[in-house]
Amino acid sequence: MSTPPSPGRTVRAAVFSRPGAPIEIADVQLAAPGHGEVEVAVTAAGVCHSDLHVLKGEWEVPAPAVLGHEGAGIVTALGAEVTGLEVGDHVVLSWVPSCGTCRQCRLGRPWQCEPVASVIASGGVLFDGTSRWSRDGSPLHHYLGVSSFAERVVVPASGAIRIRRDAPLDVVALIGCAVATGVGAVRNTAAVEAGATVAVIGCGGVGLSCVQGARLAGASRIVAVDIDSSKLDTARRLGATDTVDSSQVDAVHALRAAVPEGLDYVFDAIGKIATTEQAIAALGQGGAAVIVGLPPTGSTARFDPLTLAEANQRILGSNYGSVDPQRDIPHLVDLYMDGLLDLESMISARRPLDQAQAALDDLAAGRALRTLLTTGNGKPAGSRESTNTP
């Protein structure tokens, strides 16, 4: 990785050094945006299980790195050749900043942008192969091209999605990962039809977004599965018609009892081998299991291929909800502002950036749905505050 072009400004950020070690809140340097890039003052960043995978060493990422991949903020500077964005724009950050020129982008599949996988995710750098982060003269890596656990970030312009200015940034930050992934899996990947029967295994931020996506799609039955009764209560408020406490009963047997003919769609929003196998086993004729949660690298699941073929069933992978960020993220913001998408119920707490490790610990222990890390940057008038802020 090349050294950033200049030291730039000093910002506070959460730095990941190695698996198993706590993250460190440190002063680091952020270089000015380069060609096709923008600087964003982060208002809020969501804490996601993907960040936990990194901390536990279940996913290999370049390190040291500034963590975080879900967030929202305000554009503060533009690099050369940036069009469609201006200083002062409110944006949701997208961890798939499509290049627009690779084969997948040309085919209309920006969520599968090839350089995002091969350069940004694997290399921990931006599109030009360099980083804008450094510390004491040594380069740091970006995480998924976002690094939202910081006061400011530099991202590709295509990863900063302009949204309406009346939307509260300290709420719509969730849309950049959890909501886009969950709602998108239902509406884009699976294309759930009105009247279909749906189950969602796992009621964290992504799973609850799947529940809401199924409600928006007009599903006739939405069965939420989790081991936490409080998360199941939230799922009911967000649209689940039935719930299954899988700490008390076998999930597949309970789903079969709830929908004896088998389900049309089962979304695995956890990504453990057991939940993936449950999703496949609970399907009915012509059903589809949609794998949304991401397992540790190298995991494998078992299923009966004869049953799959005879019942005309499908197993679908869903990366980032198959979303077109430029199209879908502003639409999801509109749904929230119109009262059709409930985001506040998914926010369990807000913490200052300095408490990033505590927020990750809460998530790992099952004490949180989505915690937002706040910086105090650019909070718009009328922004709604949670009553349970630490």
Protein backbone atom coordinates (compact mmCIF):
# COMPACT_ATOMS: atom_id res chain seq x y z
CA MET A 1 0.00 0.00 0.00
CA SER A 2 1.39 3.39 -0.98
CA THR A 3 1.77 6.22 1.51
CA PRO A 4 -0.99 8.86 1.29
CA PRO A 5 -0.06 11.91 -0.80
CA SER A 6 -0.05 14.32 2.20
CA PRO A 7 -0.64 14.15 5.96
CA GLY A 8 -3.88 16.15 5.71
CA ARG A 9 -6.00 16.89 8.76
CA THR A 10 -5.97 15.13 12.12
CA VAL A 11 -9.17 13.33 13.13
CA ARG A 12 -10.27 10.92 15.86
CA ALA A 13 -10.89 7.39 14.61
CA ALA A 14 -11.29 3.79 15.82
CA VAL A 15 -8.25 1.78 14.75
CA PHE A 16 -8.23 -2.02 14.43
CA SER A 17 -4.76 -3.50 14.83
CA ARG A 18 -5.18 -7.29 14.99
CA PRO A 19 -7.82 -9.95 15.77
CA GLY A 20 -8.58 -10.32 19.45
CA ALA A 21 -7.21 -6.91 20.41
CA PRO A 22 -9.53 -4.07 21.43
CA ILE A 23 -9.87 -1.22 19.01
CA GLU A 24 -8.05 2.00 19.86
CA ILE A 25 -9.49 5.49 19.60
CA ALA A 26 -6.61 7.54 18.28
CA ASP A 27 -5.66 10.73 16.48
CA VAL A 28 -4.84 9.82 12.89
CA GLN A 29 -4.21 11.77 9.70
CA LEU A 30 -6.67 11.98 6.85
CA ALA A 31 -5.38 13.21 3.50
CA ALA A 32 -7.44 15.43 1.22
CA PRO A 33 -9.75 13.70 -1.27
CA GLY A 34 -8.15 12.64 -4.52
CA HIS A 35 -9.55 12.32 -8.01
CA GLY A 36 -13.20 11.26 -7.89
CA GLU A 37 -13.32 11.32 -4.08
CA VAL A 38 -15.09 13.38 -1.41
CA GLU A 39 -14.50 14.17 2.23
CA VAL A 40 -17.46 13.66 4.57
CA ALA A 41 -17.92 14.82 8.16
CA VAL A 42 -19.53 11.79 9.78
CA THR A 43 -22.61 12.48 11.90
CA ALA A 44 -23.36 8.90 12.99
CA ALA A 45 -22.05 5.41 12.27
CA GLY A 46 -23.85 2.13 12.86
CA VAL A 47 -22.15 -0.77 14.64
CA CYS A 48 -22.64 -4.00 12.68
CA HIS A 49 -21.85 -7.70 13.12
CA SER A 50 -19.49 -7.43 10.17
CA ASP A 51 -17.25 -5.32 12.39
CA LEU A 52 -17.34 -8.13 14.97
CA HIS A 53 -16.29 -10.68 12.35
CA VAL A 54 -13.19 -8.57 11.79
CA LEU A 55 -12.39 -8.20 15.49
CA LYS A 56 -12.72 -11.94 16.05
CA GLY A 57 -10.50 -12.78 13.09
CA GLU A 58 -13.32 -14.58 11.27
CA TRP A 59 -12.73 -12.39 8.21
CA GLU A 60 -9.28 -11.50 7.00
CA VAL A 61 -8.87 -7.80 6.29
CA PRO A 62 -5.77 -5.66 5.81
CA ALA A 63 -4.62 -4.12 9.09
CA PRO A 64 -4.14 -1.77 10.77
CA ALA A 65 -7.38 -0.18 9.59
CA VAL A 66 -9.99 2.37 10.55
CA LEU A 67 -13.16 0.36 11.15
CA GLY A 68 -16.83 1.04 10.30
CA HIS A 69 -18.85 0.73 7.12
CA GLU A 70 -22.32 2.13 7.92
CA GLY A 71 -22.91 5.83 8.39
CA ALA A 72 -24.14 9.21 7.23
CA GLY A 73 -22.81 12.75 7.22
CA ILE A 74 -22.21 15.96 5.29
CA VAL A 75 -19.86 16.52 2.36
CA THR A 76 -17.06 18.92 3.36
CA ALA A 77 -14.65 18.78 0.39
CA LEU A 78 -14.55 17.57 -3.21
CA GLY A 79 -11.69 16.00 -5.11
CA ALA A 80 -11.05 16.64 -8.80
CA GLU A 81 -13.60 15.60 -11.41
CA VAL A 82 -16.43 15.04 -8.90
CA THR A 83 -19.86 15.68 -10.35
CA GLY A 84 -23.30 15.27 -8.83
CA LEU A 85 -22.20 16.23 -5.32
CA GLU A 86 -21.55 19.58 -3.65
CA VAL A 87 -20.10 20.71 -0.35
CA GLY A 88 -22.95 20.72 2.16
CA ASP A 89 -24.81 17.77 0.65
CA HIS A 90 -26.21 15.27 3.13
CA VAL A 91 -25.15 11.74 2.27
CA VAL A 92 -25.51 8.14 3.34
CA LEU A 93 -22.26 6.20 3.00
CA SER A 94 -22.32 3.05 0.88
CA TRP A 95 -19.73 0.29 1.30
CA VAL A 96 -20.14 -0.64 -2.36
CA PRO A 97 -18.92 2.49 -4.21
CA SER A 98 -19.40 1.25 -7.76
CA CYS A 99 -16.74 2.12 -10.33
CA GLY A 100 -19.31 2.37 -13.15
CA THR A 101 -17.02 0.85 -15.78
CA CYS A 102 -16.40 -2.82 -14.91
CA ARG A 103 -18.44 -5.59 -16.52
CA GLN A 104 -20.79 -5.97 -13.55
CA CYS A 105 -21.48 -2.24 -13.38
CA ARG A 106 -22.12 -2.11 -17.13
CA LEU A 107 -24.61 -4.98 -16.76
CA GLY A 108 -26.54 -2.99 -14.16
CA ARG A 109 -25.24 -4.89 -11.12
CA PRO A 110 -23.34 -2.23 -9.17
CA TRP A 111 -23.58 -4.30 -5.95
CA GLN A 112 -21.16 -6.73 -7.62
CA CYS A 113 -18.66 -4.08 -8.73
CA GLU A 114 -15.44 -5.97 -9.47
CA PRO A 115 -12.86 -3.42 -8.20
CA VAL A 116 -14.80 -3.12 -4.93
CA ALA A 117 -14.10 -6.80 -4.28
CA SER A 118 -10.58 -6.94 -5.66
CA VAL A 119 -9.21 -3.54 -4.61
CA ILE A 120 -11.31 -1.92 -1.89
CA ALA A 121 -12.36 -4.96 0.16
CA SER A 122 -9.25 -7.08 -0.33
CA GLY A 123 -6.68 -4.32 -0.43
CA GLY A 124 -8.07 -1.92 2.15
CA VAL A 125 -7.46 1.01 -0.19
CA LEU A 126 -9.47 3.25 -2.50
CA PHE A 127 -9.90 2.78 -6.24
CA ASP A 128 -6.45 4.17 -7.09
CA GLY A 129 -4.76 1.60 -4.84
CA THR A 130 -3.71 4.06 -2.11
CA SER A 131 -5.01 5.05 1.32
CA ARG A 132 -5.98 8.46 2.65
CA TRP A 133 -5.31 7.32 6.24
CA SER A 134 -1.98 7.46 8.08
CA ARG A 135 -0.67 7.49 11.63
CA ASP A 136 2.71 8.87 12.61
CA GLY A 137 3.79 8.69 8.98
CA SER A 138 2.72 5.07 8.44
CA PRO A 139 -0.31 4.28 6.26
CA LEU A 140 -3.51 2.81 7.68
CA HIS A 141 -6.08 0.86 5.66
CA HIS A 142 -9.65 1.74 4.84
CA TYR A 143 -12.36 -0.74 5.84
CA LEU A 144 -14.71 -1.53 2.94
CA GLY A 145 -13.96 1.86 1.45
CA VAL A 146 -15.82 3.65 4.25
CA SER A 147 -14.12 3.61 7.70
CA SER A 148 -17.09 5.35 9.28
CA PHE A 149 -15.82 5.00 12.88
CA ALA A 150 -14.15 8.39 12.50
CA GLU A 151 -14.95 12.07 12.71
CA ARG A 152 -14.30 12.49 8.98
CA VAL A 153 -13.68 10.14 6.09
CA VAL A 154 -12.58 10.26 2.47
CA VAL A 155 -14.57 7.96 0.19
CA PRO A 156 -15.14 7.48 -3.54
CA ALA A 157 -17.83 9.89 -4.69
CA SER A 158 -20.01 6.94 -5.74
CA GLY A 159 -19.93 5.79 -2.11
CA ALA A 160 -21.51 9.02 -0.85
CA ILE A 161 -25.20 8.86 -1.78
CA ARG A 162 -26.90 12.25 -1.72
CA ILE A 163 -30.21 12.28 0.17
CA ARG A 164 -32.86 14.84 1.08
CA ARG A 165 -31.70 17.37 3.67
CA ASP A 166 -34.71 17.07 5.98
CA ALA A 167 -33.87 13.44 6.86
CA PRO A 168 -32.13 13.10 10.26
CA LEU A 169 -28.61 11.86 9.65
CA ASP A 170 -28.45 10.29 13.11
CA VAL A 171 -31.22 7.89 12.06
CA VAL A 172 -30.81 7.23 8.33
CA ALA A 173 -27.19 6.18 8.92
CA LEU A 174 -28.65 2.66 9.32
CA ILE A 175 -29.74 2.62 5.70
CA GLY A 176 -26.16 2.33 4.39
CA CYS A 177 -25.85 -1.30 5.48
CA ALA A 178 -28.51 -2.97 7.66
CA VAL A 179 -31.60 -1.55 5.99
CA ALA A 180 -30.35 -1.64 2.42
CA THR A 181 -29.17 -5.23 2.93
CA GLY A 182 -32.34 -6.52 4.58
CA VAL A 183 -35.01 -4.69 2.61
CA GLY A 184 -33.01 -5.20 -0.58
CA ALA A 185 -32.74 -8.95 -0.01
CA VAL A 186 -36.54 -9.14 0.05
CA ARG A 187 -37.35 -6.72 -2.72
CA ASN A 188 -34.39 -7.16 -5.09
CA THR A 189 -32.72 -10.54 -4.55
CA ALA A 190 -35.84 -12.59 -3.81
CA ALA A 191 -38.49 -10.31 -5.37
CA VAL A 192 -41.05 -11.50 -2.80
CA GLU A 193 -44.58 -11.38 -4.18
CA ALA A 194 -47.66 -10.04 -2.41
CA GLY A 195 -49.33 -12.88 -0.54
CA ALA A 196 -46.15 -14.96 -0.17
CA THR A 197 -45.19 -16.64 3.09
CA VAL A 198 -41.89 -15.56 4.60
CA ALA A 199 -39.69 -16.46 7.56
CA VAL A 200 -36.72 -14.48 8.84
CA ILE A 201 -34.13 -16.25 11.00
CA GLY A 202 -32.32 -13.72 13.15
CA CYS A 203 -33.80 -10.43 14.32
CA GLY A 204 -30.82 -8.12 14.49
CA GLY A 205 -30.60 -5.02 12.34
CA VAL A 206 -30.50 -6.91 9.03
CA GLY A 207 -33.17 -9.43 10.04
CA LEU A 208 -35.57 -6.72 11.23
CA SER A 209 -35.00 -4.97 7.92
CA CYS A 210 -35.95 -8.22 6.16
CA VAL A 211 -39.15 -8.28 8.24
CA GLN A 212 -39.94 -4.73 7.17
CA GLY A 213 -39.14 -5.55 3.56
CA ALA A 214 -41.56 -8.48 3.68
CA ARG A 215 -44.26 -6.22 5.15
CA LEU A 216 -43.68 -3.64 2.42
CA ALA A 217 -43.88 -6.42 -0.20
CA GLY A 218 -47.30 -7.50 1.11
CA ALA A 219 -46.33 -10.94 2.42
CA SER A 220 -49.30 -12.76 3.97
CA ARG A 221 -47.29 -14.43 6.75
CA ILE A 222 -44.03 -13.19 8.23
CA VAL A 223 -42.54 -15.54 10.83
CA ALA A 224 -39.65 -14.08 12.84
CA VAL A 225 -37.20 -16.49 14.51
CA ASP A 226 -34.73 -15.60 17.25
CA ILE A 227 -33.50 -16.72 20.67
CA ASP A 228 -34.13 -13.29 22.23
CA SER A 229 -37.73 -12.53 23.24
CA SER A 230 -37.17 -8.75 23.19
CA LYS A 231 -36.00 -8.92 19.57
CA LEU A 232 -39.08 -10.97 18.72
CA ASP A 233 -41.26 -8.29 20.32
CA THR A 234 -39.58 -5.70 18.11
CA ALA A 235 -40.12 -7.92 15.07
CA ARG A 236 -43.86 -7.99 15.81
CA ARG A 237 -43.95 -4.20 16.01
CA LEU A 238 -42.20 -4.01 12.65
CA GLY A 239 -44.52 -6.40 10.82
CA ALA A 240 -44.01 -10.03 11.88
CA THR A 241 -47.29 -11.93 12.06
CA ASP A 242 -45.80 -14.84 14.03
CA THR A 243 -42.71 -15.41 16.15
CA VAL A 244 -40.63 -18.44 17.08
CA ASP A 245 -38.34 -18.49 20.12
CA SER A 246 -35.72 -20.93 18.89
CA SER A 247 -34.16 -21.12 22.35
CA GLN A 248 -37.26 -23.06 23.41
CA VAL A 249 -38.25 -25.07 20.34
CA ASP A 250 -36.69 -26.54 17.20
CA ALA A 251 -36.85 -23.79 14.61
CA VAL A 252 -37.64 -26.00 11.61
CA HIS A 253 -40.39 -27.91 13.44
CA ALA A 254 -41.91 -24.63 14.63
CA LEU A 255 -41.82 -23.14 11.14
CA ARG A 256 -43.43 -26.26 9.70
CA ALA A 257 -46.15 -26.03 12.34
CA ALA A 258 -46.75 -22.35 11.59
CA VAL A 259 -46.87 -22.87 7.80
CA PRO A 260 -47.56 -26.60 7.21
CA GLU A 261 -47.19 -26.39 3.44
CA GLY A 262 -43.70 -24.97 3.83
CA LEU A 263 -42.55 -21.43 3.32
CA ASP A 264 -42.13 -19.56 0.07
CA TYR A 265 -39.09 -17.67 1.31
CA VAL A 266 -36.79 -18.10 4.29
CA PHE A 267 -34.15 -15.45 4.95
CA ASP A 268 -31.10 -16.42 6.98
CA ALA A 269 -30.07 -13.09 8.48
CA ILE A 270 -27.45 -14.64 10.78
CA GLY A 271 -25.11 -16.63 8.56
CA LYS A 272 -24.31 -19.49 10.90
CA ILE A 273 -24.18 -22.96 9.39
CA ALA A 274 -27.09 -24.10 11.56
CA THR A 275 -29.33 -21.22 10.48
CA THR A 276 -28.49 -21.67 6.81
CA GLU A 277 -29.43 -25.34 7.03
CA GLN A 278 -32.64 -24.44 8.89
CA ALA A 279 -33.59 -21.95 6.16
CA ILE A 280 -33.25 -24.64 3.47
CA ALA A 281 -35.06 -27.31 5.50
CA ALA A 282 -38.11 -25.12 6.16
CA LEU A 283 -38.89 -24.42 2.49
CA GLY A 284 -42.05 -25.50 0.71
CA GLN A 285 -42.54 -26.41 -2.94
CA GLY A 286 -40.79 -23.88 -5.15
CA GLY A 287 -39.42 -22.03 -2.13
CA ALA A 288 -36.21 -20.03 -1.91
CA ALA A 289 -33.71 -19.83 0.93
CA VAL A 290 -31.97 -16.47 0.86
CA ILE A 291 -28.58 -16.28 2.59
CA VAL A 292 -28.18 -12.72 3.81
CA GLY A 293 -26.03 -13.06 6.93
CA LEU A 294 -22.35 -13.70 6.23
CA PRO A 295 -20.59 -16.67 7.85
CA PRO A 296 -16.91 -16.94 8.78
CA THR A 297 -14.57 -17.55 5.86
CA GLY A 298 -14.41 -21.21 4.82
CA SER A 299 -17.74 -22.30 6.32
CA THR A 300 -19.76 -24.97 4.50
CA ALA A 301 -23.38 -26.08 4.91
CA ARG A 302 -25.16 -29.35 4.10
CA PHE A 303 -28.47 -29.84 2.32
CA ASP A 304 -30.34 -32.58 0.48
CA PRO A 305 -29.89 -31.85 -3.25
CA LEU A 306 -32.52 -34.43 -4.26
CA THR A 307 -35.18 -32.67 -2.20
CA LEU A 308 -34.04 -29.33 -3.60
CA ALA A 309 -34.39 -30.57 -7.18
CA GLU A 310 -37.66 -32.46 -6.72
CA ALA A 311 -39.33 -29.54 -4.96
CA ASN A 312 -37.94 -26.99 -7.44
CA GLN A 313 -36.37 -25.03 -4.59
CA ARG A 314 -33.61 -22.44 -4.77
CA ILE A 315 -30.74 -21.20 -2.64
CA LEU A 316 -29.98 -17.54 -3.25
CA GLY A 317 -27.04 -15.52 -2.03
CA SER A 318 -27.73 -11.86 -1.32
CA ASN A 319 -24.82 -9.43 -1.20
CA TYR A 320 -25.81 -5.96 0.03
CA GLY A 321 -29.44 -6.72 -0.83
CA SER A 322 -28.63 -6.55 -4.56
CA VAL A 323 -29.11 -2.80 -4.27
CA ASP A 324 -28.26 -0.06 -6.69
CA PRO A 325 -27.15 2.44 -4.02
CA GLN A 326 -27.82 5.54 -6.14
CA ARG A 327 -31.38 4.36 -6.78
CA ASP A 328 -32.33 2.44 -3.65
CA ILE A 329 -30.81 4.41 -0.78
CA PRO A 330 -32.68 7.69 -1.50
CA HIS A 331 -35.86 5.63 -1.95
CA LEU A 332 -35.38 3.97 1.43
CA VAL A 333 -34.87 7.40 3.00
CA ASP A 334 -38.14 8.51 1.41
CA LEU A 335 -39.92 5.44 2.82
CA TYR A 336 -38.65 6.34 6.29
CA MET A 337 -39.69 9.98 5.96
CA ASP A 338 -43.13 8.90 4.73
CA GLY A 339 -43.60 6.72 7.82
CA LEU A 340 -43.47 3.44 5.92
CA LEU A 341 -40.12 2.28 7.32
CA ASP A 342 -39.45 2.26 11.07
CA LEU A 343 -35.80 2.93 11.84
CA GLU A 344 -36.03 4.28 15.40
CA SER A 345 -37.20 0.90 16.74
CA MET A 346 -33.94 -0.61 15.50
CA ILE A 347 -31.73 1.86 17.37
CA SER A 348 -31.02 0.52 20.83
CA ALA A 349 -28.55 3.21 21.91
CA ARG A 350 -26.35 6.08 20.86
CA ARG A 351 -22.80 6.38 22.13
CA PRO A 352 -20.01 8.84 21.40
CA LEU A 353 -17.26 7.64 19.08
CA ASP A 354 -14.89 7.16 22.02
CA GLN A 355 -17.16 4.32 23.24
CA ALA A 356 -16.85 2.27 20.05
CA GLN A 357 -15.38 -0.75 21.85
CA ALA A 358 -18.20 -0.74 24.42
CA ALA A 359 -20.73 -0.62 21.58
CA LEU A 360 -19.07 -3.62 19.93
CA ASP A 361 -19.07 -5.47 23.27
CA ASP A 362 -22.81 -4.79 23.63
CA LEU A 363 -23.44 -6.20 20.18
CA ALA A 364 -21.33 -9.29 20.82
CA ALA A 365 -23.21 -9.96 24.08
CA GLY A 366 -26.62 -9.59 22.43
CA ARG A 367 -27.44 -6.42 24.37
CA ALA A 368 -28.00 -4.23 21.31
CA LEU A 369 -29.75 -4.20 17.95
CA ARG A 370 -28.00 -1.24 16.35
CA THR A 371 -25.89 1.21 18.31
CA LEU A 372 -25.05 4.50 16.62
CA LEU A 373 -21.67 6.09 17.26
CA THR A 374 -22.08 9.85 17.13
CA THR A 375 -19.49 12.56 16.54
CA GLY A 376 -21.49 15.77 16.98
CA ASN A 377 -20.76 16.73 13.36
CA GLY A 378 -23.45 18.41 11.33
CA LYS A 379 -26.51 17.30 13.24
CA PRO A 380 -29.40 18.89 11.31
CA ALA A 381 -32.14 20.84 13.02
CA GLY A 382 -34.96 18.58 14.12
CA SER A 383 -32.71 15.51 14.37
CA ARG A 384 -34.35 13.04 16.71
CA GLU A 385 -32.44 11.89 19.77
CA SER A 386 -32.91 8.53 21.48
CA THR A 387 -34.09 8.59 25.10
CA ASN A 388 -31.67 5.82 26.00
CA THR A 389 -28.44 7.58 25.09
CA PRO A 390 -25.75 6.51 27.55
